[in-house]
């Protein structure tokens, strides 16, 4: 593993450990660098800010699932695997998803889910809606609802079984999104 990856992983590990005991908003770059024994310049060489670090953690940790998530027969399996991963790393993700705003994990998820919904729409054999603005509105609506449900699930302590949670989302997307596009 190249040095850059080793350093990024060390910073990620420090962030994950800090977020086990401290809210994301209370963690500084200094806390992260102190925890893993590097200087601030090293941190900024690899990441623009702590938000980019959290998004990098999410992306690298869930890449095996994200890469399989395409809108086809297995998209729910990929989303379920992501939810199971989030559940297994509960404290970190509850903490990360509680932070809202620019560069937040929820914003990153929104971009990811929009891509899946766009793929779904593009794969439909017949679309009654062809206006790009209307399609964009539908994508934004469903992606926001989807991410909102994941955030509510996290804020609720991930109490609902991930399979049940994803099944509810699947039902809403299949029934509601198809109706909206007809």
Protein backbone atom coordinates (compact mmCIF):
# COMPACT_ATOMS: atom_id res chain seq x y z
CA UNK A 1 0.00 0.00 0.00
CA UNK A 2 1.49 3.38 -0.98
CA UNK A 3 2.34 5.88 1.77
CA UNK A 4 -0.54 8.18 0.81
CA UNK A 5 -3.06 5.37 1.37
CA UNK A 6 -1.45 4.44 4.68
CA UNK A 7 -1.70 8.05 5.85
CA UNK A 8 -5.30 8.41 4.66
CA UNK A 9 -6.24 5.19 6.46
CA UNK A 10 -4.51 6.38 9.64
CA UNK A 11 -6.45 9.67 9.51
CA UNK A 12 -9.68 7.74 8.85
CA UNK A 13 -9.04 5.42 11.79
CA UNK A 14 -8.38 8.41 14.04
CA UNK A 15 -11.63 10.06 12.91
CA UNK A 16 -13.63 6.87 13.46
CA UNK A 17 -12.19 6.47 16.96
CA UNK A 18 -12.87 10.10 17.86
CA UNK A 19 -16.46 9.85 16.59
CA UNK A 20 -17.11 6.93 18.93
CA UNK A 21 -17.00 9.36 21.85
CA UNK A 22 -17.35 12.87 20.48
CA UNK A 23 -19.90 14.57 18.18
CA UNK A 24 -18.61 15.30 14.68
CA UNK A 25 -19.13 19.04 15.11
CA UNK A 26 -16.86 19.01 18.18
CA UNK A 27 -13.96 17.27 16.42
CA UNK A 28 -11.25 19.50 14.98
CA UNK A 29 -8.52 18.75 12.47
CA UNK A 30 -6.10 19.18 15.38
CA UNK A 31 -7.91 16.41 17.29
CA UNK A 32 -7.57 14.10 14.29
CA UNK A 33 -3.89 14.84 13.67
CA UNK A 34 -3.04 14.54 17.36
CA UNK A 35 -4.85 11.18 17.56
CA UNK A 36 -2.85 9.69 14.69
CA UNK A 37 0.44 11.49 15.33
CA UNK A 38 0.80 13.60 12.19
CA UNK A 39 0.90 17.34 11.66
CA UNK A 40 -1.87 19.53 10.22
CA UNK A 41 -0.02 19.96 6.92
CA UNK A 42 -0.11 16.21 6.43
CA UNK A 43 -3.86 16.23 6.97
CA UNK A 44 -4.39 19.06 4.48
CA UNK A 45 -2.15 17.37 1.95
CA UNK A 46 -4.69 14.52 1.81
CA UNK A 47 -8.00 16.15 2.66
CA UNK A 48 -9.51 19.59 2.23
CA UNK A 49 -11.37 19.36 5.55
CA UNK A 50 -12.88 16.89 7.99
CA UNK A 51 -16.03 16.65 5.84
CA UNK A 52 -14.03 15.36 2.91
CA UNK A 53 -12.39 12.84 5.27
CA UNK A 54 -15.79 11.52 6.42
CA UNK A 55 -17.00 11.25 2.82
CA UNK A 56 -13.78 9.44 1.89
CA UNK A 57 -14.35 7.02 4.78
CA UNK A 58 -17.90 6.38 3.64
CA UNK A 59 -16.88 5.92 0.02
CA UNK A 60 -13.89 3.65 0.68
CA UNK A 61 -15.68 1.57 3.30
CA UNK A 62 -18.78 1.10 1.17
CA UNK A 63 -17.12 0.95 -2.27
CA UNK A 64 -17.69 -2.80 -2.59
CA UNK A 65 -21.43 -2.17 -2.17
CA UNK A 66 -21.63 1.08 -4.11
CA UNK A 67 -19.93 -0.46 -7.12
CA UNK A 68 -22.64 -3.13 -7.29
CA UNK A 69 -25.52 -0.69 -6.94
CA UNK A 70 -26.99 -0.06 -10.35
CA UNK A 71 -30.65 0.28 -10.99
CA UNK A 72 -31.45 -3.22 -12.05
CA UNK A 73 -32.56 -6.35 -10.25
CA UNK A 74 -30.03 -6.02 -7.42
CA UNK A 75 -30.11 -2.36 -6.41
CA UNK A 76 -31.90 -3.20 -3.17
CA UNK A 77 -29.21 -5.75 -2.30
CA UNK A 78 -26.54 -3.08 -2.66
CA UNK A 79 -28.51 -0.56 -0.59
CA UNK A 80 -29.25 -3.25 2.02
CA UNK A 81 -25.54 -4.06 2.26
CA UNK A 82 -24.77 -0.36 2.75
CA UNK A 83 -27.44 -0.16 5.49
CA UNK A 84 -26.03 -3.31 7.15
CA UNK A 85 -22.58 -1.75 7.05
CA UNK A 86 -23.94 1.47 8.56
CA UNK A 87 -25.65 -0.59 11.28
CA UNK A 88 -22.40 -2.48 12.02
CA UNK A 89 -20.61 0.88 12.42
CA UNK A 90 -23.51 2.47 14.23
CA UNK A 91 -21.84 5.13 16.38
CA UNK A 92 -19.74 6.54 13.56
CA UNK A 93 -22.62 6.76 11.08
CA UNK A 94 -25.22 8.05 13.53
CA UNK A 95 -22.74 10.78 14.38
CA UNK A 96 -21.87 11.46 10.70
CA UNK A 97 -25.50 11.52 9.57
CA UNK A 98 -26.52 13.87 12.36
CA UNK A 99 -24.39 16.59 10.77
CA UNK A 100 -26.21 18.40 7.98
CA UNK A 101 -24.96 20.98 5.53
CA UNK A 102 -22.39 21.47 2.84
CA UNK A 103 -19.99 18.54 2.33
CA UNK A 104 -21.91 16.41 4.81
CA UNK A 105 -22.38 12.67 4.48
CA UNK A 106 -26.08 13.24 3.79
CA UNK A 107 -25.17 15.50 0.84
CA UNK A 108 -22.83 12.80 -0.47
CA UNK A 109 -25.59 10.17 -0.13
CA UNK A 110 -28.01 12.46 -1.96
CA UNK A 111 -25.67 12.67 -4.95
CA UNK A 112 -25.24 8.90 -4.93
CA UNK A 113 -28.99 8.16 -4.75
CA UNK A 114 -29.77 10.69 -7.50
CA UNK A 115 -27.45 8.73 -9.76
CA UNK A 116 -29.32 5.48 -9.04
CA UNK A 117 -32.71 7.07 -9.72
CA UNK A 118 -31.46 8.63 -12.95
CA UNK A 119 -30.24 5.19 -14.08
CA UNK A 120 -33.68 3.79 -13.28
CA UNK A 121 -35.41 6.47 -15.34
CA UNK A 122 -33.01 6.05 -18.25
CA UNK A 123 -33.63 2.27 -18.27
CA UNK A 124 -37.40 2.61 -18.55
CA UNK A 125 -38.58 1.46 -21.97
CA UNK A 126 -41.31 4.09 -22.21
CA UNK A 127 -41.35 7.42 -20.41
CA UNK A 128 -44.36 9.70 -20.55
CA UNK A 129 -42.35 12.54 -19.03
CA UNK A 130 -39.67 13.96 -21.28
CA UNK A 131 -39.29 17.47 -19.84
CA UNK A 132 -35.80 17.57 -18.24
CA UNK A 133 -36.97 19.98 -15.52
CA UNK A 134 -39.79 17.67 -14.49
CA UNK A 135 -37.50 14.63 -14.52
CA UNK A 136 -34.97 16.56 -12.41
CA UNK A 137 -37.73 17.49 -9.95
CA UNK A 138 -38.77 13.83 -9.64
CA UNK A 139 -35.16 12.72 -9.13
CA UNK A 140 -34.63 15.39 -6.43
CA UNK A 141 -37.88 14.50 -4.69
CA UNK A 142 -37.23 10.76 -4.48
CA UNK A 143 -33.53 11.09 -3.67
CA UNK A 144 -34.33 13.55 -0.87
CA UNK A 145 -36.99 11.23 0.51
CA UNK A 146 -34.66 8.26 0.34
CA UNK A 147 -31.79 10.03 2.11
CA UNK A 148 -34.25 11.56 4.60
CA UNK A 149 -35.43 8.07 5.52
CA UNK A 150 -31.85 6.90 6.04
CA UNK A 151 -31.16 9.94 8.23
CA UNK A 152 -34.33 9.34 10.26
CA UNK A 153 -33.32 5.70 10.62
CA UNK A 154 -29.89 6.79 11.91
CA UNK A 155 -31.32 9.46 14.23
CA UNK A 156 -33.69 6.84 15.60
CA UNK A 157 -30.70 4.76 16.61
CA UNK A 158 -31.02 2.34 13.65
CA UNK A 159 -33.81 0.54 15.50
CA UNK A 160 -35.67 -0.75 12.45
CA UNK A 161 -34.25 -3.88 10.85
CA UNK A 162 -32.26 -2.84 7.74
CA UNK A 163 -34.11 -5.40 5.59
CA UNK A 164 -37.46 -3.95 6.62
CA UNK A 165 -36.19 -0.41 6.14
CA UNK A 166 -34.91 -1.10 2.61
CA UNK A 167 -38.11 -3.00 1.74
CA UNK A 168 -40.19 0.08 2.68
CA UNK A 169 -37.95 2.27 0.51
CA UNK A 170 -38.12 -0.21 -2.37
CA UNK A 171 -41.92 -0.28 -2.22
CA UNK A 172 -42.12 3.52 -2.20
CA UNK A 173 -39.75 3.90 -5.11
CA UNK A 174 -41.35 1.21 -7.23
CA UNK A 175 -44.92 2.32 -6.62
CA UNK A 176 -44.47 6.08 -6.33
CA UNK A 177 -41.71 6.71 -8.81
CA UNK A 178 -43.30 4.63 -11.53
CA UNK A 179 -46.60 6.43 -10.99
CA UNK A 180 -44.90 9.81 -11.12
CA UNK A 181 -43.26 8.92 -14.42
CA UNK A 182 -46.48 7.65 -16.05
